[in-house]
């Protein structure tokens, strides 16, 4: 099932999410499939629970389409459930980011180049790994979603003021996208 993508201004994007419990394991299989299908339909490389209106600690990433530019992403497809970033390390690097929930806006965001993250997969198997480079950027972007943070929150105050009109337009549905969206009520 393809979900509509929740856009800027919806309160679910600002909530810190709740963990899944092992009893929800069976429901997760279909949810993960639906999240990947929704993400692919919108031409995204990551999607978090809040972006489909679900205030739960889950995000999916398939960054393989960027492998030509970033070879380390050649096999970077993962499901992160109940994720916790344990450490952020490495240099600060700036690059442009966009978001399915903030369509039409791409801005330069500074993030650390290395993260250590603990999470479970859809089988509730625990993983702990160090992720570097562009993969670390994507993980931090999606992780922010489950913390109630959007990439525009990392911008300077002046830049945020300059984007206010565009952000308000998005929250009113005045945006041209090729996927279904869900507006704030």
N, C-alpha and C. Protein backbone atom coordinates (compact mmCIF):
# COMPACT_ATOMS: atom_id res chain seq x y z
N UNK A 1 0.84 -1.18 0.00
CA UNK A 1 0.00 0.00 0.00
C UNK A 1 0.88 1.25 0.00
N UNK A 2 0.52 2.18 -0.81
CA UNK A 2 1.26 3.44 -0.87
C UNK A 2 0.54 4.47 0.00
N UNK A 3 1.26 4.96 1.00
CA UNK A 3 0.71 5.96 1.91
C UNK A 3 0.89 7.36 1.33
N UNK A 4 0.02 8.30 1.70
CA UNK A 4 0.32 9.69 1.38
C UNK A 4 1.46 10.16 2.29
N UNK A 5 2.28 11.05 1.79
CA UNK A 5 3.40 11.58 2.58
C UNK A 5 2.93 12.82 3.32
N UNK A 6 3.12 12.82 4.62
CA UNK A 6 2.76 13.94 5.49
C UNK A 6 3.72 15.09 5.21
N UNK A 7 3.16 16.30 5.01
CA UNK A 7 4.01 17.44 4.68
C UNK A 7 4.15 18.43 5.84
N UNK A 8 5.11 19.32 5.64
CA UNK A 8 5.48 20.34 6.62
C UNK A 8 4.24 20.98 7.24
N UNK A 9 4.29 21.15 8.56
CA UNK A 9 3.22 21.79 9.29
C UNK A 9 2.34 20.80 10.03
N UNK A 10 2.40 19.54 9.65
CA UNK A 10 1.60 18.52 10.33
C UNK A 10 2.27 18.22 11.68
N UNK A 11 1.49 18.18 12.77
CA UNK A 11 2.07 17.98 14.10
C UNK A 11 2.82 16.65 14.29
N UNK A 12 2.46 15.61 13.55
CA UNK A 12 3.14 14.32 13.72
C UNK A 12 4.63 14.42 13.39
N UNK A 13 4.99 15.37 12.53
CA UNK A 13 6.40 15.54 12.17
C UNK A 13 7.24 16.14 13.29
N UNK A 14 6.58 16.68 14.31
CA UNK A 14 7.28 17.33 15.42
C UNK A 14 7.26 16.52 16.71
N UNK A 15 6.68 15.33 16.65
CA UNK A 15 6.60 14.50 17.86
C UNK A 15 7.77 13.54 17.93
N UNK A 16 8.27 13.33 19.15
CA UNK A 16 9.23 12.27 19.35
C UNK A 16 8.45 10.96 19.33
N UNK A 17 8.97 9.96 18.67
CA UNK A 17 8.22 8.74 18.40
C UNK A 17 8.39 7.69 19.50
N UNK A 18 7.54 6.67 19.44
CA UNK A 18 7.56 5.58 20.41
C UNK A 18 8.18 4.33 19.81
N UNK A 19 8.78 3.52 20.67
CA UNK A 19 9.38 2.25 20.24
C UNK A 19 8.32 1.24 19.82
N UNK A 20 8.73 0.36 18.93
CA UNK A 20 7.95 -0.84 18.65
C UNK A 20 8.29 -1.87 19.72
N UNK A 21 7.36 -2.77 20.01
CA UNK A 21 7.59 -3.87 20.94
C UNK A 21 7.59 -5.17 20.14
N UNK A 22 8.29 -6.20 20.63
CA UNK A 22 8.39 -7.46 19.88
C UNK A 22 7.04 -8.05 19.46
N UNK A 23 5.99 -7.78 20.23
CA UNK A 23 4.66 -8.30 19.88
C UNK A 23 4.13 -7.71 18.57
N UNK A 24 4.71 -6.62 18.13
CA UNK A 24 4.29 -5.97 16.88
C UNK A 24 5.06 -6.49 15.67
N UNK A 25 5.90 -7.48 15.88
CA UNK A 25 6.79 -7.99 14.84
C UNK A 25 6.05 -8.40 13.56
N UNK A 26 4.94 -9.09 13.70
CA UNK A 26 4.20 -9.56 12.52
C UNK A 26 3.66 -8.41 11.68
N UNK A 27 3.20 -7.36 12.34
CA UNK A 27 2.67 -6.19 11.63
C UNK A 27 3.78 -5.45 10.88
N UNK A 28 5.01 -5.57 11.37
CA UNK A 28 6.12 -4.83 10.79
C UNK A 28 6.46 -5.25 9.37
N UNK A 29 6.32 -6.51 9.06
CA UNK A 29 6.68 -6.99 7.72
C UNK A 29 5.92 -6.20 6.65
N UNK A 30 4.60 -6.10 6.81
CA UNK A 30 3.79 -5.38 5.83
C UNK A 30 4.10 -3.89 5.86
N UNK A 31 4.27 -3.33 7.06
CA UNK A 31 4.58 -1.91 7.18
C UNK A 31 5.88 -1.57 6.45
N UNK A 32 6.91 -2.39 6.65
CA UNK A 32 8.20 -2.14 5.99
C UNK A 32 8.02 -2.19 4.47
N UNK A 33 7.31 -3.19 3.98
CA UNK A 33 7.06 -3.27 2.53
C UNK A 33 6.33 -2.03 2.03
N UNK A 34 5.32 -1.60 2.78
CA UNK A 34 4.54 -0.42 2.39
C UNK A 34 5.39 0.85 2.43
N UNK A 35 6.28 0.94 3.41
CA UNK A 35 7.14 2.13 3.50
C UNK A 35 8.10 2.19 2.32
N UNK A 36 8.70 1.06 1.97
CA UNK A 36 9.58 1.06 0.79
C UNK A 36 8.78 1.42 -0.47
N UNK A 37 7.59 0.85 -0.62
CA UNK A 37 6.77 1.13 -1.79
C UNK A 37 6.40 2.62 -1.85
N UNK A 38 6.05 3.20 -0.72
CA UNK A 38 5.72 4.63 -0.65
C UNK A 38 6.93 5.47 -1.02
N UNK A 39 8.09 5.11 -0.47
CA UNK A 39 9.33 5.85 -0.74
C UNK A 39 9.70 5.78 -2.22
N UNK A 40 9.65 4.59 -2.80
CA UNK A 40 9.98 4.44 -4.22
C UNK A 40 9.00 5.22 -5.09
N UNK A 41 7.73 5.18 -4.74
CA UNK A 41 6.70 5.89 -5.51
C UNK A 41 6.98 7.40 -5.54
N UNK A 42 7.57 7.92 -4.47
CA UNK A 42 7.86 9.35 -4.37
C UNK A 42 9.30 9.68 -4.79
N UNK A 43 10.02 8.70 -5.32
CA UNK A 43 11.42 8.89 -5.73
C UNK A 43 12.32 9.35 -4.59
N UNK A 44 12.09 8.78 -3.40
CA UNK A 44 12.91 9.11 -2.25
C UNK A 44 13.96 8.05 -2.00
N UNK A 45 14.88 8.36 -1.09
CA UNK A 45 15.90 7.37 -0.67
C UNK A 45 15.76 7.04 0.81
N UNK A 46 14.85 7.71 1.50
CA UNK A 46 14.59 7.41 2.90
C UNK A 46 13.18 7.84 3.27
N UNK A 47 12.62 7.16 4.26
CA UNK A 47 11.27 7.49 4.72
C UNK A 47 11.14 7.04 6.16
N UNK A 48 10.62 7.92 7.00
CA UNK A 48 10.45 7.62 8.42
C UNK A 48 8.98 7.53 8.78
N UNK A 49 8.69 6.81 9.86
CA UNK A 49 7.32 6.63 10.32
C UNK A 49 6.49 7.90 10.35
N UNK A 50 6.98 8.99 10.96
CA UNK A 50 6.18 10.21 11.01
C UNK A 50 5.77 10.73 9.63
N UNK A 51 6.56 10.43 8.61
CA UNK A 51 6.25 10.92 7.27
C UNK A 51 5.04 10.21 6.65
N UNK A 52 4.60 9.12 7.26
CA UNK A 52 3.36 8.48 6.81
C UNK A 52 2.30 8.57 7.91
N UNK A 53 2.54 9.46 8.88
CA UNK A 53 1.57 9.68 9.95
C UNK A 53 1.68 8.73 11.11
N UNK A 54 2.75 7.96 11.18
CA UNK A 54 2.94 6.95 12.22
C UNK A 54 4.01 7.43 13.20
N UNK A 55 3.62 7.67 14.43
CA UNK A 55 4.55 8.19 15.43
C UNK A 55 5.29 7.04 16.12
N UNK A 56 6.04 6.29 15.31
CA UNK A 56 6.81 5.13 15.79
C UNK A 56 8.25 5.24 15.29
N UNK A 57 9.16 4.60 16.03
CA UNK A 57 10.59 4.67 15.74
C UNK A 57 10.96 3.69 14.62
N UNK A 58 10.69 4.10 13.40
CA UNK A 58 11.04 3.29 12.25
C UNK A 58 11.42 4.20 11.09
N UNK A 59 12.47 3.80 10.37
CA UNK A 59 12.75 4.44 9.09
C UNK A 59 13.40 3.43 8.17
N UNK A 60 13.18 3.64 6.88
CA UNK A 60 13.75 2.78 5.85
C UNK A 60 14.63 3.64 4.96
N UNK A 61 15.69 3.03 4.46
CA UNK A 61 16.60 3.72 3.55
C UNK A 61 16.99 2.78 2.42
N UNK A 62 16.96 3.29 1.22
CA UNK A 62 17.57 2.62 0.08
C UNK A 62 18.30 3.69 -0.71
N UNK A 63 19.57 3.85 -0.40
CA UNK A 63 20.39 4.90 -1.03
C UNK A 63 21.14 4.38 -2.25
N UNK A 64 20.84 3.17 -2.69
CA UNK A 64 21.56 2.59 -3.83
C UNK A 64 21.45 3.42 -5.12
N UNK A 65 20.37 4.18 -5.34
CA UNK A 65 20.34 5.01 -6.56
C UNK A 65 21.45 6.06 -6.62
N UNK A 66 22.06 6.37 -5.48
CA UNK A 66 23.14 7.37 -5.45
C UNK A 66 24.53 6.76 -5.56
N UNK A 67 24.59 5.45 -5.82
CA UNK A 67 25.87 4.74 -5.82
C UNK A 67 26.84 5.22 -6.90
N UNK A 68 26.34 5.74 -8.02
CA UNK A 68 27.25 6.25 -9.05
C UNK A 68 28.07 7.41 -8.52
N UNK A 69 27.42 8.26 -7.74
CA UNK A 69 28.10 9.43 -7.17
C UNK A 69 28.82 9.10 -5.87
N UNK A 70 28.25 8.18 -5.08
CA UNK A 70 28.81 7.79 -3.79
C UNK A 70 28.91 6.26 -3.75
N UNK A 71 30.02 5.68 -4.18
CA UNK A 71 30.15 4.22 -4.30
C UNK A 71 29.86 3.46 -3.00
N UNK A 72 30.07 4.07 -1.84
CA UNK A 72 29.81 3.38 -0.58
C UNK A 72 28.31 3.07 -0.37
N UNK A 73 27.45 3.66 -1.21
CA UNK A 73 26.01 3.44 -1.09
C UNK A 73 25.51 2.30 -1.97
N UNK A 74 26.42 1.61 -2.65
CA UNK A 74 26.04 0.57 -3.61
C UNK A 74 25.10 -0.48 -3.03
N UNK A 75 25.26 -0.81 -1.77
CA UNK A 75 24.39 -1.82 -1.16
C UNK A 75 23.78 -1.30 0.14
N UNK A 76 23.54 0.01 0.18
CA UNK A 76 23.02 0.59 1.42
C UNK A 76 21.49 0.65 1.39
N UNK A 77 20.89 -0.47 1.76
CA UNK A 77 19.44 -0.58 1.91
C UNK A 77 19.20 -1.22 3.27
N UNK A 78 18.47 -0.48 4.15
CA UNK A 78 18.28 -0.97 5.52
C UNK A 78 16.91 -0.57 6.06
N UNK A 79 16.52 -1.30 7.08
CA UNK A 79 15.35 -0.98 7.89
C UNK A 79 15.86 -0.73 9.31
N UNK A 80 15.52 0.42 9.87
CA UNK A 80 15.95 0.80 11.21
C UNK A 80 14.73 0.90 12.10
N UNK A 81 14.64 0.05 13.11
CA UNK A 81 13.54 0.07 14.06
C UNK A 81 14.10 0.31 15.45
N UNK A 82 13.45 1.20 16.20
CA UNK A 82 13.88 1.55 17.56
C UNK A 82 15.34 2.01 17.59
N UNK A 83 15.74 2.75 16.57
CA UNK A 83 17.13 3.19 16.43
C UNK A 83 17.53 4.18 17.52
N UNK A 84 18.78 4.07 17.92
CA UNK A 84 19.40 5.03 18.84
C UNK A 84 20.79 5.35 18.30
N UNK A 85 21.05 6.61 18.03
CA UNK A 85 22.41 7.00 17.67
C UNK A 85 23.20 7.07 18.96
N UNK A 86 24.26 6.27 19.02
CA UNK A 86 25.09 6.19 20.23
C UNK A 86 26.21 7.22 20.22
N UNK A 87 26.75 7.48 19.03
CA UNK A 87 27.85 8.46 18.91
C UNK A 87 27.77 9.12 17.54
N UNK A 88 28.16 10.38 17.53
CA UNK A 88 28.38 11.12 16.27
C UNK A 88 29.83 11.54 16.31
N UNK A 89 30.51 11.32 15.20
CA UNK A 89 31.95 11.57 15.18
C UNK A 89 32.34 12.03 13.78
N UNK A 90 33.62 12.26 13.61
CA UNK A 90 34.11 12.66 12.30
C UNK A 90 33.98 14.15 12.09
N UNK A 91 34.42 14.57 10.92
CA UNK A 91 34.37 15.98 10.55
C UNK A 91 32.94 16.42 10.29
N UNK A 92 32.72 17.72 10.36
CA UNK A 92 31.45 18.29 9.91
C UNK A 92 31.56 18.45 8.40
N UNK A 93 30.53 18.02 7.68
CA UNK A 93 30.51 18.17 6.23
C UNK A 93 29.17 18.76 5.84
N UNK A 94 29.21 19.70 4.91
CA UNK A 94 27.98 20.33 4.43
C UNK A 94 27.63 19.80 3.05
N UNK A 95 26.34 19.55 2.85
CA UNK A 95 25.86 19.14 1.54
C UNK A 95 24.37 19.45 1.48
N UNK A 96 23.83 19.41 0.28
CA UNK A 96 22.42 19.72 0.10
C UNK A 96 21.54 18.53 0.46
N UNK A 97 20.43 18.82 1.12
CA UNK A 97 19.45 17.81 1.48
C UNK A 97 18.07 18.29 1.06
N UNK A 98 17.24 17.34 0.77
CA UNK A 98 15.83 17.59 0.49
C UNK A 98 15.04 16.61 1.33
N UNK A 99 13.72 16.70 1.25
CA UNK A 99 12.87 15.83 2.07
C UNK A 99 11.51 15.69 1.40
N UNK A 100 10.99 14.47 1.40
CA UNK A 100 9.67 14.24 0.82
C UNK A 100 8.59 15.03 1.54
N UNK A 101 8.80 15.34 2.81
CA UNK A 101 7.82 16.11 3.59
C UNK A 101 7.98 17.62 3.41
N UNK A 102 9.05 18.03 2.75
CA UNK A 102 9.29 19.45 2.48
C UNK A 102 9.67 19.56 1.00
N UNK A 103 8.74 19.20 0.11
CA UNK A 103 9.07 19.14 -1.31
C UNK A 103 9.43 20.49 -1.91
N UNK A 104 10.39 20.45 -2.82
CA UNK A 104 10.78 21.65 -3.54
C UNK A 104 11.82 22.50 -2.84
N UNK A 105 12.24 22.09 -1.66
CA UNK A 105 13.26 22.85 -0.93
C UNK A 105 14.47 21.95 -0.72
N UNK A 106 15.61 22.43 -1.15
CA UNK A 106 16.88 21.75 -0.94
C UNK A 106 17.84 22.78 -0.38
N UNK A 107 18.41 22.47 0.76
CA UNK A 107 19.31 23.42 1.42
C UNK A 107 20.54 22.70 1.95
N UNK A 108 21.59 23.48 2.11
CA UNK A 108 22.85 22.94 2.62
C UNK A 108 22.76 22.75 4.13
N UNK A 109 23.07 21.52 4.57
CA UNK A 109 23.01 21.16 5.98
C UNK A 109 24.37 20.59 6.38
N UNK A 110 24.85 20.99 7.54
CA UNK A 110 26.11 20.48 8.07
C UNK A 110 25.82 19.32 9.03
N UNK A 111 26.49 18.19 8.79
CA UNK A 111 26.33 17.01 9.65
C UNK A 111 27.69 16.34 9.83
N UNK A 112 27.78 15.55 10.89
CA UNK A 112 29.02 14.80 11.11
C UNK A 112 29.08 13.62 10.14
N UNK A 113 30.30 13.20 9.84
CA UNK A 113 30.50 12.21 8.78
C UNK A 113 30.49 10.77 9.27
N UNK A 114 30.24 10.58 10.56
CA UNK A 114 30.30 9.22 11.10
C UNK A 114 29.32 9.10 12.27
N UNK A 115 28.55 8.01 12.27
CA UNK A 115 27.64 7.74 13.38
C UNK A 115 27.75 6.28 13.79
N UNK A 116 27.56 6.06 15.08
CA UNK A 116 27.43 4.70 15.61
C UNK A 116 25.98 4.56 16.01
N UNK A 117 25.30 3.55 15.48
CA UNK A 117 23.87 3.41 15.69
C UNK A 117 23.51 2.00 16.10
N UNK A 118 22.55 1.90 17.00
CA UNK A 118 22.01 0.60 17.41
C UNK A 118 20.55 0.57 17.00
N UNK A 119 20.11 -0.55 16.43
CA UNK A 119 18.73 -0.67 15.99
C UNK A 119 18.38 -2.15 15.86
N UNK A 120 17.10 -2.42 15.66
CA UNK A 120 16.68 -3.77 15.33
C UNK A 120 16.10 -3.74 13.92
N UNK A 121 16.20 -4.89 13.25
CA UNK A 121 15.61 -5.00 11.92
C UNK A 121 14.18 -5.50 12.05
N UNK A 122 13.53 -5.80 10.95
CA UNK A 122 12.12 -6.20 11.00
C UNK A 122 11.91 -7.58 11.63
N UNK A 123 12.98 -8.33 11.85
CA UNK A 123 12.90 -9.60 12.58
C UNK A 123 13.25 -9.42 14.06
N UNK A 124 13.44 -8.17 14.48
CA UNK A 124 13.85 -7.81 15.84
C UNK A 124 15.25 -8.34 16.18
N UNK A 125 16.06 -8.50 15.15
CA UNK A 125 17.47 -8.85 15.36
C UNK A 125 18.22 -7.54 15.58
N UNK A 126 19.01 -7.51 16.67
CA UNK A 126 19.72 -6.27 17.02
C UNK A 126 20.99 -6.11 16.20
N UNK A 127 21.25 -4.86 15.81
CA UNK A 127 22.46 -4.50 15.07
C UNK A 127 23.07 -3.28 15.74
N UNK A 128 24.38 -3.22 15.70
CA UNK A 128 25.10 -2.02 16.11
C UNK A 128 26.19 -1.84 15.08
N UNK A 129 26.22 -0.68 14.44
CA UNK A 129 27.21 -0.47 13.40
C UNK A 129 27.66 0.98 13.33
N UNK A 130 28.82 1.16 12.74
CA UNK A 130 29.35 2.48 12.46
C UNK A 130 29.10 2.74 10.98
N UNK A 131 28.49 3.87 10.69
CA UNK A 131 28.15 4.25 9.33
C UNK A 131 28.85 5.56 9.02
N UNK A 132 29.47 5.63 7.84
CA UNK A 132 30.27 6.80 7.49
C UNK A 132 29.86 7.40 6.16
N UNK A 133 30.36 8.62 5.91
CA UNK A 133 30.18 9.27 4.63
C UNK A 133 28.73 9.69 4.38
N UNK A 134 28.33 9.58 3.12
CA UNK A 134 26.98 10.02 2.75
C UNK A 134 25.92 9.16 3.40
N UNK A 135 26.22 7.89 3.65
CA UNK A 135 25.27 7.02 4.34
C UNK A 135 24.99 7.57 5.74
N UNK A 136 26.00 8.11 6.40
CA UNK A 136 25.81 8.70 7.73
C UNK A 136 24.89 9.92 7.64
N UNK A 137 25.01 10.69 6.57
CA UNK A 137 24.13 11.86 6.38
C UNK A 137 22.69 11.40 6.25
N UNK A 138 22.44 10.39 5.43
CA UNK A 138 21.08 9.90 5.22
C UNK A 138 20.50 9.34 6.52
N UNK A 139 21.30 8.58 7.24
CA UNK A 139 20.84 8.02 8.52
C UNK A 139 20.48 9.14 9.49
N UNK A 140 21.33 10.17 9.59
CA UNK A 140 21.04 11.27 10.52
C UNK A 140 19.78 12.04 10.12
N UNK A 141 19.58 12.21 8.82
CA UNK A 141 18.38 12.90 8.33
C UNK A 141 17.12 12.12 8.74
N UNK A 142 17.12 10.81 8.50
CA UNK A 142 15.95 10.00 8.84
C UNK A 142 15.80 9.85 10.36
N UNK A 143 16.91 9.73 11.05
CA UNK A 143 16.87 9.64 12.53
C UNK A 143 16.24 10.91 13.11
N UNK A 144 16.59 12.06 12.55
CA UNK A 144 15.99 13.31 13.01
C UNK A 144 14.46 13.23 12.96
N UNK A 145 13.91 12.60 11.91
CA UNK A 145 12.45 12.49 11.79
C UNK A 145 11.84 11.79 12.99
N UNK A 146 12.48 10.73 13.48
CA UNK A 146 11.89 10.00 14.62
C UNK A 146 12.12 10.74 15.94
N UNK A 147 12.91 11.80 15.88
CA UNK A 147 13.13 12.67 17.04
C UNK A 147 12.27 13.94 16.96
N UNK A 148 11.49 14.08 15.89
CA UNK A 148 10.66 15.28 15.72
C UNK A 148 11.41 16.47 15.17
N UNK A 149 12.51 16.20 14.47
CA UNK A 149 13.37 17.25 13.92
C UNK A 149 13.34 17.17 12.40
N UNK A 150 13.30 18.33 11.74
CA UNK A 150 13.34 18.40 10.27
C UNK A 150 14.65 19.04 9.83
N UNK A 151 15.06 18.76 8.60
CA UNK A 151 16.36 19.29 8.16
C UNK A 151 16.39 20.81 8.18
N UNK A 152 15.26 21.48 8.01
CA UNK A 152 15.26 22.94 8.04
C UNK A 152 15.56 23.48 9.44
N UNK A 153 15.42 22.64 10.46
CA UNK A 153 15.77 23.05 11.82
C UNK A 153 17.27 23.26 11.99
N UNK A 154 18.06 22.69 11.09
CA UNK A 154 19.52 22.83 11.15
C UNK A 154 20.01 24.10 10.43
N UNK A 155 19.11 24.84 9.82
CA UNK A 155 19.51 26.03 9.06
C UNK A 155 19.63 27.24 9.97
N UNK A 156 20.39 28.21 9.51
CA UNK A 156 20.54 29.47 10.26
C UNK A 156 19.19 30.19 10.30
N UNK A 157 19.01 31.00 11.33
CA UNK A 157 17.74 31.71 11.54
C UNK A 157 17.35 32.55 10.32
N UNK A 158 18.30 33.23 9.72
CA UNK A 158 18.01 34.06 8.55
C UNK A 158 17.50 33.20 7.39
N UNK A 159 18.14 32.08 7.16
CA UNK A 159 17.74 31.18 6.08
C UNK A 159 16.32 30.67 6.33
N UNK A 160 16.01 30.33 7.58
CA UNK A 160 14.66 29.85 7.92
C UNK A 160 13.61 30.94 7.65
N UNK A 161 13.95 32.19 7.99
CA UNK A 161 13.02 33.30 7.72
C UNK A 161 12.79 33.46 6.22
N UNK A 162 13.84 33.29 5.43
CA UNK A 162 13.72 33.42 3.98
C UNK A 162 12.86 32.31 3.37
N UNK A 163 12.83 31.16 4.03
CA UNK A 163 12.05 30.02 3.54
C UNK A 163 10.62 29.99 4.07
N UNK A 164 10.29 30.89 4.98
CA UNK A 164 8.99 30.84 5.65
C UNK A 164 7.81 30.81 4.67
N UNK A 165 7.85 31.63 3.65
CA UNK A 165 6.76 31.67 2.67
C UNK A 165 6.60 30.35 1.94
N UNK A 166 7.72 29.74 1.54
CA UNK A 166 7.67 28.44 0.86
C UNK A 166 7.16 27.35 1.79
N UNK A 167 7.60 27.38 3.04
CA UNK A 167 7.15 26.38 4.01
C UNK A 167 5.65 26.51 4.27
N UNK A 168 5.16 27.75 4.39
CA UNK A 168 3.73 27.96 4.58
C UNK A 168 2.93 27.46 3.38
N UNK A 169 3.46 27.69 2.18
CA UNK A 169 2.78 27.21 0.97
C UNK A 169 2.69 25.68 0.97
N UNK A 170 3.77 25.01 1.38
CA UNK A 170 3.77 23.54 1.45
C UNK A 170 2.68 23.08 2.41
N UNK A 171 2.59 23.72 3.57
CA UNK A 171 1.62 23.30 4.58
C UNK A 171 0.18 23.51 4.11
N UNK A 172 -0.01 24.34 3.08
CA UNK A 172 -1.35 24.57 2.52
C UNK A 172 -1.58 23.73 1.26
N UNK A 173 -0.58 22.90 0.91
CA UNK A 173 -0.73 22.05 -0.27
C UNK A 173 -0.39 22.73 -1.57
N UNK A 174 0.17 23.91 -1.52
CA UNK A 174 0.55 24.64 -2.74
C UNK A 174 1.94 24.19 -3.17
N UNK A 175 1.98 22.95 -3.67
CA UNK A 175 3.23 22.35 -4.07
C UNK A 175 2.94 21.35 -5.19
N UNK A 176 3.87 21.23 -6.11
CA UNK A 176 3.68 20.33 -7.23
C UNK A 176 4.54 19.09 -7.05
N UNK A 177 3.91 17.97 -6.71
CA UNK A 177 4.62 16.71 -6.51
C UNK A 177 3.90 15.59 -7.27
N UNK A 178 4.63 14.50 -7.51
CA UNK A 178 4.04 13.37 -8.24
C UNK A 178 3.61 12.24 -7.29
N UNK A 179 3.38 12.57 -6.03
CA UNK A 179 2.92 11.59 -5.05
C UNK A 179 1.84 12.24 -4.17
N UNK A 180 1.02 11.39 -3.56
CA UNK A 180 -0.04 11.90 -2.70
C UNK A 180 0.56 12.47 -1.41
N UNK A 181 -0.02 13.57 -0.94
CA UNK A 181 0.44 14.18 0.29
C UNK A 181 -0.72 14.28 1.28
N UNK A 182 -0.35 14.41 2.55
CA UNK A 182 -1.33 14.60 3.61
C UNK A 182 -1.00 15.94 4.27
N UNK A 183 -1.97 16.84 4.25
CA UNK A 183 -1.78 18.18 4.79
C UNK A 183 -2.08 18.24 6.28
N UNK A 184 -1.55 19.27 6.95
CA UNK A 184 -1.92 19.50 8.35
C UNK A 184 -3.43 19.75 8.41
N UNK A 185 -4.03 19.41 9.51
CA UNK A 185 -5.49 19.65 9.64
C UNK A 185 -5.78 21.07 9.99
